[in-house]
Amino acid sequence: MAYTYHELKGKTIQDLREIAKTVEQHEAVQGYSQLNKGHLLPALCKALGIDAHEHHQAMGIDKPATKSKMHALKNARAAAIEAHDPEKLKSVRRQYHRLNRQIRAHLQ
């Protein structure tokens, strides 16, 4: 059966170990019974040829563009501090906070 990253991530460690049992002696899943979910999941993706970053593309977030906006906001924050402009500082901090929360929400 063909799995996706999202399906594998939703499975329990026991289910993942059962799947690893069926994979034909791929070096990525050797010692699967000793691996925890955090290590077994990428190993299974490698053995089954699944793109482990599929979930990032499905969410529709452009992380590099968001990070560059955040970098520009950091510079604007420094300028607002230098100019002693509390209104501009508050605005920039809120924008930065929203972008940071957006990135974190899409990574899960």
PDB file of N, CA and C in Angstrom:
ATOM      1  N   MET A   1       0.837  -1.181   0.000  1.00  0.00           N
ATOM      2  CA  MET A   1       0.000   0.000   0.000  1.00  0.00           C
ATOM      3  C   MET A   1       0.883   1.246   0.000  1.00  0.00           C
ATOM      4  N   ALA A   2       0.494   2.236  -0.778  1.00  0.00           N
ATOM      5  CA  ALA A   2       1.248   3.489  -0.852  1.00  0.00           C
ATOM      6  C   ALA A   2       0.787   4.419   0.269  1.00  0.00           C
ATOM      7  N   TYR A   3       1.740   4.944   1.007  1.00  0.00           N
ATOM      8  CA  TYR A   3       1.442   5.832   2.122  1.00  0.00           C
ATOM      9  C   TYR A   3       1.895   7.248   1.783  1.00  0.00           C
ATOM     10  N   THR A   4       1.312   8.199   2.463  1.00  0.00           N
ATOM     11  CA  THR A   4       1.780   9.576   2.392  1.00  0.00           C
ATOM     12  C   THR A   4       2.420   9.912   3.730  1.00  0.00           C
ATOM     13  N   TYR A   5       3.153  11.008   3.759  1.00  0.00           N
ATOM     14  CA  TYR A   5       3.791  11.427   4.997  1.00  0.00           C
ATOM     15  C   TYR A   5       2.744  11.679   6.080  1.00  0.00           C
ATOM     16  N   HIS A   6       1.657  12.312   5.683  1.00  0.00           N
ATOM     17  CA  HIS A   6       0.610  12.645   6.650  1.00  0.00           C
ATOM     18  C   HIS A   6      -0.013  11.382   7.253  1.00  0.00           C
ATOM     19  N   GLU A   7      -0.246  10.369   6.431  1.00  0.00           N
ATOM     20  CA  GLU A   7      -0.809   9.107   6.939  1.00  0.00           C
ATOM     21  C   GLU A   7       0.155   8.433   7.911  1.00  0.00           C
ATOM     22  N   LEU A   8       1.435   8.405   7.551  1.00  0.00           N
ATOM     23  CA  LEU A   8       2.419   7.775   8.435  1.00  0.00           C
ATOM     24  C   LEU A   8       2.552   8.531   9.749  1.00  0.00           C
ATOM     25  N   LYS A   9       2.503   9.849   9.688  1.00  0.00           N
ATOM     26  CA  LYS A   9       2.645  10.637  10.907  1.00  0.00           C
ATOM     27  C   LYS A   9       1.479  10.392  11.861  1.00  0.00           C
ATOM     28  N   GLY A  10       0.308  10.077  11.321  1.00  0.00           N
ATOM     29  CA  GLY A  10      -0.862   9.830  12.151  1.00  0.00           C
ATOM     30  C   GLY A  10      -0.893   8.441  12.773  1.00  0.00           C
ATOM     31  N   LYS A  11      -0.019   7.562  12.344  1.00  0.00           N
ATOM     32  CA  LYS A  11      -0.006   6.189  12.862  1.00  0.00           C
ATOM     33  C   LYS A  11       0.780   6.104  14.177  1.00  0.00           C
ATOM     34  N   THR A  12       0.479   5.067  14.930  1.00  0.00           N
ATOM     35  CA  THR A  12       1.184   4.838  16.185  1.00  0.00           C
ATOM     36  C   THR A  12       2.543   4.208  15.898  1.00  0.00           C
ATOM     37  N   ILE A  13       3.389   4.171  16.899  1.00  0.00           N
ATOM     38  CA  ILE A  13       4.715   3.584  16.744  1.00  0.00           C
ATOM     39  C   ILE A  13       4.621   2.097  16.404  1.00  0.00           C
ATOM     40  N   GLN A  14       3.631   1.406  16.971  1.00  0.00           N
ATOM     41  CA  GLN A  14       3.463  -0.018  16.670  1.00  0.00           C
ATOM     42  C   GLN A  14       3.083  -0.223  15.211  1.00  0.00           C
ATOM     43  N   ASP A  15       2.195   0.641  14.688  1.00  0.00           N
ATOM     44  CA  ASP A  15       1.816   0.549  13.281  1.00  0.00           C
ATOM     45  C   ASP A  15       3.018   0.815  12.379  1.00  0.00           C
ATOM     46  N   LEU A  16       3.819   1.792  12.749  1.00  0.00           N
ATOM     47  CA  LEU A  16       5.006   2.106  11.957  1.00  0.00           C
ATOM     48  C   LEU A  16       6.000   0.951  11.972  1.00  0.00           C
ATOM     49  N   ARG A  17       6.125   0.300  13.093  1.00  0.00           N
ATOM     50  CA  ARG A  17       7.039  -0.852  13.170  1.00  0.00           C
ATOM     51  C   ARG A  17       6.530  -2.024  12.329  1.00  0.00           C
ATOM     52  N   GLU A  18       5.215  -2.194  12.259  1.00  0.00           N
ATOM     53  CA  GLU A  18       4.642  -3.237  11.405  1.00  0.00           C
ATOM     54  C   GLU A  18       4.927  -2.934   9.931  1.00  0.00           C
ATOM     55  N   ILE A  19       4.822  -1.678   9.558  1.00  0.00           N
ATOM     56  CA  ILE A  19       5.119  -1.282   8.183  1.00  0.00           C
ATOM     57  C   ILE A  19       6.608  -1.494   7.893  1.00  0.00           C
ATOM     58  N   ALA A  20       7.460  -1.145   8.856  1.00  0.00           N
ATOM     59  CA  ALA A  20       8.906  -1.317   8.690  1.00  0.00           C
ATOM     60  C   ALA A  20       9.266  -2.792   8.540  1.00  0.00           C
ATOM     61  N   LYS A  21       8.489  -3.665   9.173  1.00  0.00           N
ATOM     62  CA  LYS A  21       8.717  -5.099   9.065  1.00  0.00           C
ATOM     63  C   LYS A  21       8.535  -5.575   7.626  1.00  0.00           C
ATOM     64  N   THR A  22       7.567  -4.958   6.923  1.00  0.00           N
ATOM     65  CA  THR A  22       7.264  -5.383   5.553  1.00  0.00           C
ATOM     66  C   THR A  22       8.229  -4.805   4.522  1.00  0.00           C
ATOM     67  N   VAL A  23       8.958  -3.750   4.877  1.00  0.00           N
ATOM     68  CA  VAL A  23       9.911  -3.161   3.938  1.00  0.00           C
ATOM     69  C   VAL A  23      11.075  -4.122   3.774  1.00  0.00           C
ATOM     70  N   GLU A  24      11.451  -4.362   2.547  1.00  0.00           N
ATOM     71  CA  GLU A  24      12.489  -5.353   2.275  1.00  0.00           C
ATOM     72  C   GLU A  24      13.872  -4.860   2.663  1.00  0.00           C
ATOM     73  N   GLN A  25      14.346  -5.207   3.778  1.00  0.00           N
ATOM     74  CA  GLN A  25      15.717  -5.010   4.273  1.00  0.00           C
ATOM     75  C   GLN A  25      16.396  -3.754   3.737  1.00  0.00           C
ATOM     76  N   HIS A  26      15.733  -2.648   3.831  1.00  0.00           N
ATOM     77  CA  HIS A  26      16.346  -1.368   3.448  1.00  0.00           C
ATOM     78  C   HIS A  26      17.203  -0.901   4.611  1.00  0.00           C
ATOM     79  N   GLU A  27      18.400  -0.368   4.323  1.00  0.00           N
ATOM     80  CA  GLU A  27      19.319  -0.003   5.408  1.00  0.00           C
ATOM     81  C   GLU A  27      18.780   1.119   6.283  1.00  0.00           C
ATOM     82  N   ALA A  28      17.845   1.899   5.771  1.00  0.00           N
ATOM     83  CA  ALA A  28      17.291   3.004   6.564  1.00  0.00           C
ATOM     84  C   ALA A  28      16.453   2.506   7.735  1.00  0.00           C
ATOM     85  N   VAL A  29      15.816   1.347   7.592  1.00  0.00           N
ATOM     86  CA  VAL A  29      14.940   0.852   8.656  1.00  0.00           C
ATOM     87  C   VAL A  29      15.542  -0.314   9.430  1.00  0.00           C
ATOM     88  N   GLN A  30      16.821  -0.555   9.280  1.00  0.00           N
ATOM     89  CA  GLN A  30      17.448  -1.608  10.066  1.00  0.00           C
ATOM     90  C   GLN A  30      17.421  -1.214  11.531  1.00  0.00           C
ATOM     91  N   GLY A  31      17.056  -2.137  12.371  1.00  0.00           N
ATOM     92  CA  GLY A  31      16.948  -1.869  13.799  1.00  0.00           C
ATOM     93  C   GLY A  31      15.693  -1.091  14.138  1.00  0.00           C
ATOM     94  N   TYR A  32      14.646  -1.255  13.316  1.00  0.00           N
ATOM     95  CA  TYR A  32      13.406  -0.483  13.492  1.00  0.00           C
ATOM     96  C   TYR A  32      12.759  -0.710  14.847  1.00  0.00           C
ATOM     97  N   SER A  33      12.958  -1.863  15.435  1.00  0.00           N
ATOM     98  CA  SER A  33      12.306  -2.136  16.720  1.00  0.00           C
ATOM     99  C   SER A  33      12.883  -1.277  17.849  1.00  0.00           C
ATOM    100  N   GLN A  34      14.081  -0.737  17.645  1.00  0.00           N
ATOM    101  CA  GLN A  34      14.723   0.100  18.660  1.00  0.00           C
ATOM    102  C   GLN A  34      14.519   1.596  18.423  1.00  0.00           C
ATOM    103  N   LEU A  35      13.959   1.957  17.257  1.00  0.00           N
ATOM    104  CA  LEU A  35      13.800   3.364  16.912  1.00  0.00           C
ATOM    105  C   LEU A  35      12.528   3.947  17.512  1.00  0.00           C
ATOM    106  N   ASN A  36      12.596   5.213  17.909  1.00  0.00           N
ATOM    107  CA  ASN A  36      11.381   5.889  18.351  1.00  0.00           C
ATOM    108  C   ASN A  36      10.704   6.499  17.127  1.00  0.00           C
ATOM    109  N   LYS A  37       9.528   7.069  17.310  1.00  0.00           N
ATOM    110  CA  LYS A  37       8.747   7.559  16.187  1.00  0.00           C
ATOM    111  C   LYS A  37       9.473   8.672  15.438  1.00  0.00           C
ATOM    112  N   GLY A  38      10.167   9.525  16.162  1.00  0.00           N
ATOM    113  CA  GLY A  38      10.881  10.624  15.533  1.00  0.00           C
ATOM    114  C   GLY A  38      11.980  10.174  14.586  1.00  0.00           C
ATOM    115  N   HIS A  39      12.568   9.021  14.845  1.00  0.00           N
ATOM    116  CA  HIS A  39      13.614   8.493  13.980  1.00  0.00           C
ATOM    117  C   HIS A  39      13.056   7.511  12.959  1.00  0.00           C
ATOM    118  N   LEU A  40      12.020   6.782  13.338  1.00  0.00           N
ATOM    119  CA  LEU A  40      11.464   5.774  12.442  1.00  0.00           C
ATOM    120  C   LEU A  40      10.704   6.406  11.282  1.00  0.00           C
ATOM    121  N   LEU A  41      10.015   7.498  11.521  1.00  0.00           N
ATOM    122  CA  LEU A  41       9.220   8.142  10.478  1.00  0.00           C
ATOM    123  C   LEU A  41      10.085   8.595   9.292  1.00  0.00           C
ATOM    124  N   PRO A  42      11.178   9.329   9.496  1.00  0.00           N
ATOM    125  CA  PRO A  42      12.020   9.689   8.343  1.00  0.00           C
ATOM    126  C   PRO A  42      12.670   8.477   7.679  1.00  0.00           C
ATOM    127  N   ALA A  43      13.013   7.457   8.475  1.00  0.00           N
ATOM    128  CA  ALA A  43      13.616   6.255   7.906  1.00  0.00           C
ATOM    129  C   ALA A  43      12.620   5.535   6.994  1.00  0.00           C
ATOM    130  N   LEU A  44      11.375   5.450   7.421  1.00  0.00           N
ATOM    131  CA  LEU A  44      10.347   4.836   6.588  1.00  0.00           C
ATOM    132  C   LEU A  44      10.114   5.647   5.318  1.00  0.00           C
ATOM    133  N   CYS A  45      10.106   6.950   5.455  1.00  0.00           N
ATOM    134  CA  CYS A  45       9.928   7.805   4.275  1.00  0.00           C
ATOM    135  C   CYS A  45      11.048   7.561   3.271  1.00  0.00           C
ATOM    136  N   LYS A  46      12.258   7.423   3.764  1.00  0.00           N
ATOM    137  CA  LYS A  46      13.393   7.179   2.884  1.00  0.00           C
ATOM    138  C   LYS A  46      13.273   5.808   2.227  1.00  0.00           C
ATOM    139  N   ALA A  47      12.895   4.806   3.011  1.00  0.00           N
ATOM    140  CA  ALA A  47      12.795   3.443   2.485  1.00  0.00           C
ATOM    141  C   ALA A  47      11.653   3.299   1.483  1.00  0.00           C
ATOM    142  N   LEU A  48      10.561   4.005   1.706  1.00  0.00           N
ATOM    143  CA  LEU A  48       9.395   3.895   0.830  1.00  0.00           C
ATOM    144  C   LEU A  48       9.407   4.919  -0.302  1.00  0.00           C
ATOM    145  N   GLY A  49      10.392   5.818  -0.290  1.00  0.00           N
ATOM    146  CA  GLY A  49      10.486   6.821  -1.342  1.00  0.00           C
ATOM    147  C   GLY A  49       9.430   7.904  -1.241  1.00  0.00           C
ATOM    148  N   ILE A  50       9.068   8.270  -0.006  1.00  0.00           N
ATOM    149  CA  ILE A  50       8.050   9.293   0.234  1.00  0.00           C
ATOM    150  C   ILE A  50       8.752  10.613   0.513  1.00  0.00           C
ATOM    151  N   ASP A  51       8.232  11.689  -0.075  1.00  0.00           N
ATOM    152  CA  ASP A  51       8.787  13.014   0.188  1.00  0.00           C
ATOM    153  C   ASP A  51       8.438  13.396   1.620  1.00  0.00           C
ATOM    154  N   ALA A  52       9.435  13.533   2.469  1.00  0.00           N
ATOM    155  CA  ALA A  52       9.204  13.827   3.885  1.00  0.00           C
ATOM    156  C   ALA A  52       8.777  15.263   4.109  1.00  0.00           C
ATOM    157  N   HIS A  53       8.876  16.121   3.096  1.00  0.00           N
ATOM    158  CA  HIS A  53       8.499  17.523   3.249  1.00  0.00           C
ATOM    159  C   HIS A  53       7.189  17.827   2.544  1.00  0.00           C
ATOM    160  N   GLU A  54       6.439  16.797   2.224  1.00  0.00           N
ATOM    161  CA  GLU A  54       5.167  16.964   1.529  1.00  0.00           C
ATOM    162  C   GLU A  54       4.202  17.831   2.322  1.00  0.00           C
ATOM    163  N   HIS A  55       4.211  17.699   3.637  1.00  0.00           N
ATOM    164  CA  HIS A  55       3.268  18.439   4.467  1.00  0.00           C
ATOM    165  C   HIS A  55       3.487  19.946   4.408  1.00  0.00           C
ATOM    166  N   HIS A  56       4.718  20.409   4.185  1.00  0.00           N
ATOM    167  CA  HIS A  56       4.969  21.844   4.093  1.00  0.00           C
ATOM    168  C   HIS A  56       4.352  22.427   2.827  1.00  0.00           C
ATOM    169  N   GLN A  57       4.430  21.685   1.727  1.00  0.00           N
ATOM    170  CA  GLN A  57       3.878  22.163   0.476  1.00  0.00           C
ATOM    171  C   GLN A  57       2.352  22.152   0.506  1.00  0.00           C
ATOM    172  N   ALA A  58       1.783  21.215   1.181  1.00  0.00           N
ATOM    173  CA  ALA A  58       0.332  21.100   1.225  1.00  0.00           C
ATOM    174  C   ALA A  58      -0.304  22.244   2.007  1.00  0.00           C
ATOM    175  N   MET A  59       0.412  22.801   2.958  1.00  0.00           N
ATOM    176  CA  MET A  59      -0.143  23.860   3.786  1.00  0.00           C
ATOM    177  C   MET A  59      -0.229  25.188   3.049  1.00  0.00           C
ATOM    178  N   GLY A  60       0.573  25.389   2.028  1.00  0.00           N
ATOM    179  CA  GLY A  60       0.500  26.598   1.240  1.00  0.00           C
ATOM    180  C   GLY A  60       1.212  27.802   1.827  1.00  0.00           C
ATOM    181  N   ILE A  61       2.187  27.592   2.655  1.00  0.00           N
ATOM    182  CA  ILE A  61       2.921  28.719   3.229  1.00  0.00           C
ATOM    183  C   ILE A  61       4.248  28.851   2.493  1.00  0.00           C
ATOM    184  N   ASP A  62       4.629  30.079   2.204  1.00  0.00           N
ATOM    185  CA  ASP A  62       5.899  30.357   1.563  1.00  0.00           C
ATOM    186  C   ASP A  62       6.864  30.794   2.662  1.00  0.00           C
ATOM    187  N   LYS A  63       7.522  29.824   3.265  1.00  0.00           N
ATOM    188  CA  LYS A  63       8.354  30.091   4.430  1.00  0.00           C
ATOM    189  C   LYS A  63       9.518  31.042   4.139  1.00  0.00           C
ATOM    190  N   PRO A  64      10.250  30.884   3.038  1.00  0.00           N
ATOM    191  CA  PRO A  64      11.352  31.829   2.798  1.00  0.00           C
ATOM    192  C   PRO A  64      10.877  33.279   2.659  1.00  0.00           C
ATOM    193  N   ALA A  65       9.750  33.489   2.004  1.00  0.00           N
ATOM    194  CA  ALA A  65       9.231  34.848   1.848  1.00  0.00           C
ATOM    195  C   ALA A  65       8.801  35.415   3.203  1.00  0.00           C
ATOM    196  N   THR A  66       8.180  34.570   4.026  1.00  0.00           N
ATOM    197  CA  THR A  66       7.756  35.005   5.350  1.00  0.00           C
ATOM    198  C   THR A  66       8.964  35.344   6.215  1.00  0.00           C
ATOM    199  N   LYS A  67       9.999  34.530   6.123  1.00  0.00           N
ATOM    200  CA  LYS A  67      11.222  34.790   6.891  1.00  0.00           C
ATOM    201  C   LYS A  67      11.876  36.107   6.455  1.00  0.00           C
ATOM    202  N   SER A  68      11.852  36.401   5.147  1.00  0.00           N
ATOM    203  CA  SER A  68      12.446  37.662   4.691  1.00  0.00           C
ATOM    204  C   SER A  68      11.628  38.862   5.186  1.00  0.00           C
ATOM    205  N   LYS A  69      10.301  38.720   5.259  1.00  0.00           N
ATOM    206  CA  LYS A  69       9.457  39.786   5.821  1.00  0.00           C
ATOM    207  C   LYS A  69       9.795  39.998   7.295  1.00  0.00           C
ATOM    208  N   MET A  70      10.002  38.893   7.999  1.00  0.00           N
ATOM    209  CA  MET A  70      10.345  38.979   9.417  1.00  0.00           C
ATOM    210  C   MET A  70      11.694  39.678   9.601  1.00  0.00           C
ATOM    211  N   HIS A  71      12.634  39.409   8.712  1.00  0.00           N
ATOM    212  CA  HIS A  71      13.944  40.057   8.798  1.00  0.00           C
ATOM    213  C   HIS A  71      13.805  41.573   8.589  1.00  0.00           C
ATOM    214  N   ALA A  72      12.969  41.945   7.617  1.00  0.00           N
ATOM    215  CA  ALA A  72      12.740  43.377   7.369  1.00  0.00           C
ATOM    216  C   ALA A  72      12.063  44.028   8.572  1.00  0.00           C
ATOM    217  N   LEU A  73      11.143  43.287   9.217  1.00  0.00           N
ATOM    218  CA  LEU A  73      10.472  43.824  10.399  1.00  0.00           C
ATOM    219  C   LEU A  73      11.438  43.995  11.569  1.00  0.00           C
ATOM    220  N   LYS A  74      12.421  43.122  11.668  1.00  0.00           N
ATOM    221  CA  LYS A  74      13.430  43.283  12.723  1.00  0.00           C
ATOM    222  C   LYS A  74      14.205  44.583  12.529  1.00  0.00           C
ATOM    223  N   ASN A  75      14.517  44.877  11.275  1.00  0.00           N
ATOM    224  CA  ASN A  75      15.219  46.138  10.985  1.00  0.00           C
ATOM    225  C   ASN A  75      14.322  47.329  11.297  1.00  0.00           C
ATOM    226  N   ALA A  76      13.037  47.224  10.968  1.00  0.00           N
ATOM    227  CA  ALA A  76      12.093  48.304  11.257  1.00  0.00           C
ATOM    228  C   ALA A  76      11.930  48.474  12.766  1.00  0.00           C
ATOM    229  N   ARG A  77      11.967  47.372  13.491  1.00  0.00           N
ATOM    230  CA  ARG A  77      11.874  47.423  14.951  1.00  0.00           C
ATOM    231  C   ARG A  77      13.058  48.188  15.532  1.00  0.00           C
ATOM    232  N   ALA A  78      14.250  47.880  15.026  1.00  0.00           N
ATOM    233  CA  ALA A  78      15.446  48.579  15.511  1.00  0.00           C
ATOM    234  C   ALA A  78      15.367  50.077  15.209  1.00  0.00           C
ATOM    235  N   ALA A  79      14.832  50.405  14.032  1.00  0.00           N
ATOM    236  CA  ALA A  79      14.697  51.822  13.671  1.00  0.00           C
ATOM    237  C   ALA A  79      13.675  52.513  14.567  1.00  0.00           C
ATOM    238  N   ALA A  80      12.586  51.830  14.914  1.00  0.00           N
ATOM    239  CA  ALA A  80      11.566  52.413  15.789  1.00  0.00           C
ATOM    240  C   ALA A  80      12.109  52.623  17.197  1.00  0.00           C
ATOM    241  N   ILE A  81      12.921  51.713  17.659  1.00  0.00           N
ATOM    242  CA  ILE A  81      13.540  51.865  18.982  1.00  0.00           C
ATOM    243  C   ILE A  81      14.482  53.062  18.973  1.00  0.00           C
ATOM    244  N   GLU A  82      15.245  53.168  17.906  1.00  0.00           N
ATOM    245  CA  GLU A  82      16.195  54.276  17.774  1.00  0.00           C
ATOM    246  C   GLU A  82      15.476  55.629  17.736  1.00  0.00           C
ATOM    247  N   ALA A  83      14.312  55.654  17.049  1.00  0.00           N
ATOM    248  CA  ALA A  83      13.566  56.913  16.898  1.00  0.00           C
ATOM    249  C   ALA A  83      12.650  57.190  18.088  1.00  0.00           C
ATOM    250  N   HIS A  84      12.594  56.290  19.050  1.00  0.00           N
ATOM    251  CA  HIS A  84      11.720  56.425  20.221  1.00  0.00           C
ATOM    252  C   HIS A  84      10.254  56.614  19.802  1.00  0.00           C
ATOM    253  N   ASP A  85       9.799  55.749  18.879  1.00  0.00           N
ATOM    254  CA  ASP A  85       8.430  55.804  18.358  1.00  0.00           C
ATOM    255  C   ASP A  85       7.661  54.581  18.872  1.00  0.00           C
ATOM    256  N   PRO A  86       6.947  54.718  20.007  1.00  0.00           N
ATOM    257  CA  PRO A  86       6.277  53.552  20.593  1.00  0.00           C
ATOM    258  C   PRO A  86       5.133  53.009  19.729  1.00  0.00           C
ATOM    259  N   GLU A  87       4.439  53.861  18.992  1.00  0.00           N
ATOM    260  CA  GLU A  87       3.346  53.394  18.137  1.00  0.00           C
ATOM    261  C   GLU A  87       3.872  52.530  16.997  1.00  0.00           C
ATOM    262  N   LYS A  88       4.929  52.976  16.368  1.00  0.00           N
ATOM    263  CA  LYS A  88       5.546  52.203  15.271  1.00  0.00           C
ATOM    264  C   LYS A  88       6.121  50.900  15.814  1.00  0.00           C
ATOM    265  N   LEU A  89       6.726  50.961  16.982  1.00  0.00           N
ATOM    266  CA  LEU A  89       7.301  49.773  17.603  1.00  0.00           C
ATOM    267  C   LEU A  89       6.224  48.731  17.884  1.00  0.00           C
ATOM    268  N   LYS A  90       5.101  49.181  18.420  1.00  0.00           N
ATOM    269  CA  LYS A  90       4.006  48.261  18.716  1.00  0.00           C
ATOM    270  C   LYS A  90       3.472  47.623  17.434  1.00  0.00           C
ATOM    271  N   SER A  91       3.316  48.419  16.400  1.00  0.00           N
ATOM    272  CA  SER A  91       2.813  47.920  15.122  1.00  0.00           C
ATOM    273  C   SER A  91       3.750  46.865  14.526  1.00  0.00           C
ATOM    274  N   VAL A  92       5.037  47.157  14.543  1.00  0.00           N
ATOM    275  CA  VAL A  92       6.026  46.234  13.982  1.00  0.00           C
ATOM    276  C   VAL A  92       6.071  44.942  14.788  1.00  0.00           C
ATOM    277  N   ARG A  93       6.027  45.066  16.104  1.00  0.00           N
ATOM    278  CA  ARG A  93       6.067  43.865  16.949  1.00  0.00           C
ATOM    279  C   ARG A  93       4.858  42.977  16.710  1.00  0.00           C
ATOM    280  N   ARG A  94       3.669  43.565  16.529  1.00  0.00           N
ATOM    281  CA  ARG A  94       2.464  42.779  16.268  1.00  0.00           C
ATOM    282  C   ARG A  94       2.558  42.075  14.919  1.00  0.00           C
ATOM    283  N   GLN A  95       3.075  42.765  13.912  1.00  0.00           N
ATOM    284  CA  GLN A  95       3.230  42.142  12.590  1.00  0.00           C
ATOM    285  C   GLN A  95       4.204  40.968  12.664  1.00  0.00           C
ATOM    286  N   TYR A  96       5.304  41.175  13.370  1.00  0.00           N
ATOM    287  CA  TYR A  96       6.296  40.122  13.530  1.00  0.00           C
ATOM    288  C   TYR A  96       5.683  38.922  14.254  1.00  0.00           C
ATOM    289  N   HIS A  97       4.936  39.201  15.304  1.00  0.00           N
ATOM    290  CA  HIS A  97       4.294  38.145  16.084  1.00  0.00           C
ATOM    291  C   HIS A  97       3.335  37.332  15.207  1.00  0.00           C
ATOM    292  N   ARG A  98       2.538  38.014  14.393  1.00  0.00           N
ATOM    293  CA  ARG A  98       1.589  37.312  13.512  1.00  0.00           C
ATOM    294  C   ARG A  98       2.313  36.396  12.530  1.00  0.00           C
ATOM    295  N   LEU A  99       3.385  36.886  11.933  1.00  0.00           N
ATOM    296  CA  LEU A  99       4.140  36.066  10.981  1.00  0.00           C
ATOM    297  C   LEU A  99       4.773  34.864  11.669  1.00  0.00           C
ATOM    298  N   ASN A 100       5.309  35.076  12.861  1.00  0.00           N
ATOM    299  CA  ASN A 100       5.924  33.986  13.603  1.00  0.00           C
ATOM    300  C   ASN A 100       4.892  32.910  13.946  1.00  0.00           C
ATOM    301  N   ARG A 101       3.721  33.327  14.373  1.00  0.00           N
ATOM    302  CA  ARG A 101       2.649  32.370  14.701  1.00  0.00           C
ATOM    303  C   ARG A 101       2.195  31.630  13.449  1.00  0.00           C
ATOM    304  N   GLN A 102       2.175  32.313  12.323  1.00  0.00           N
ATOM    305  CA  GLN A 102       1.769  31.692  11.065  1.00  0.00           C
ATOM    306  C   GLN A 102       2.732  30.568  10.685  1.00  0.00           C
ATOM    307  N   ILE A 103       4.010  30.830  10.818  1.00  0.00           N
ATOM    308  CA  ILE A 103       5.008  29.800  10.507  1.00  0.00           C
ATOM    309  C   ILE A 103       4.866  28.614  11.445  1.00  0.00           C
ATOM    310  N   ARG A 104       4.750  28.874  12.734  1.00  0.00           N
ATOM    311  CA  ARG A 104       4.643  27.785  13.702  1.00  0.00           C
ATOM    312  C   ARG A 104       3.376  26.956  13.506  1.00  0.00           C
ATOM    313  N   ALA A 105       2.275  27.587  13.147  1.00  0.00           N
ATOM    314  CA  ALA A 105       1.021  26.867  12.950  1.00  0.00           C
ATOM    315  C   ALA A 105       1.095  25.944  11.737  1.00  0.00           C
ATOM    316  N   HIS A 106       1.840  26.344  10.731  1.00  0.00           N
ATOM    317  CA  HIS A 106       1.917  25.536   9.508  1.00  0.00           C
ATOM    318  C   HIS A 106       2.935  24.424   9.596  1.00  0.00           C
ATOM    319  N   LEU A 107       3.791  24.452  10.578  1.00  0.00           N
ATOM    320  CA  LEU A 107       4.777  23.389  10.710  1.00  0.00           C
ATOM    321  C   LEU A 107       4.230  22.159  11.406  1.00  0.00           C
ATOM    322  N   GLN A 108       3.119  22.295  12.054  1.00  0.00           N
ATOM    323  CA  GLN A 108       2.571  21.140  12.782  1.00  0.00           C
ATOM    324  C   GLN A 108       1.625  20.349  11.958  1.00  0.00           C
TER     325      GLN A 108
END
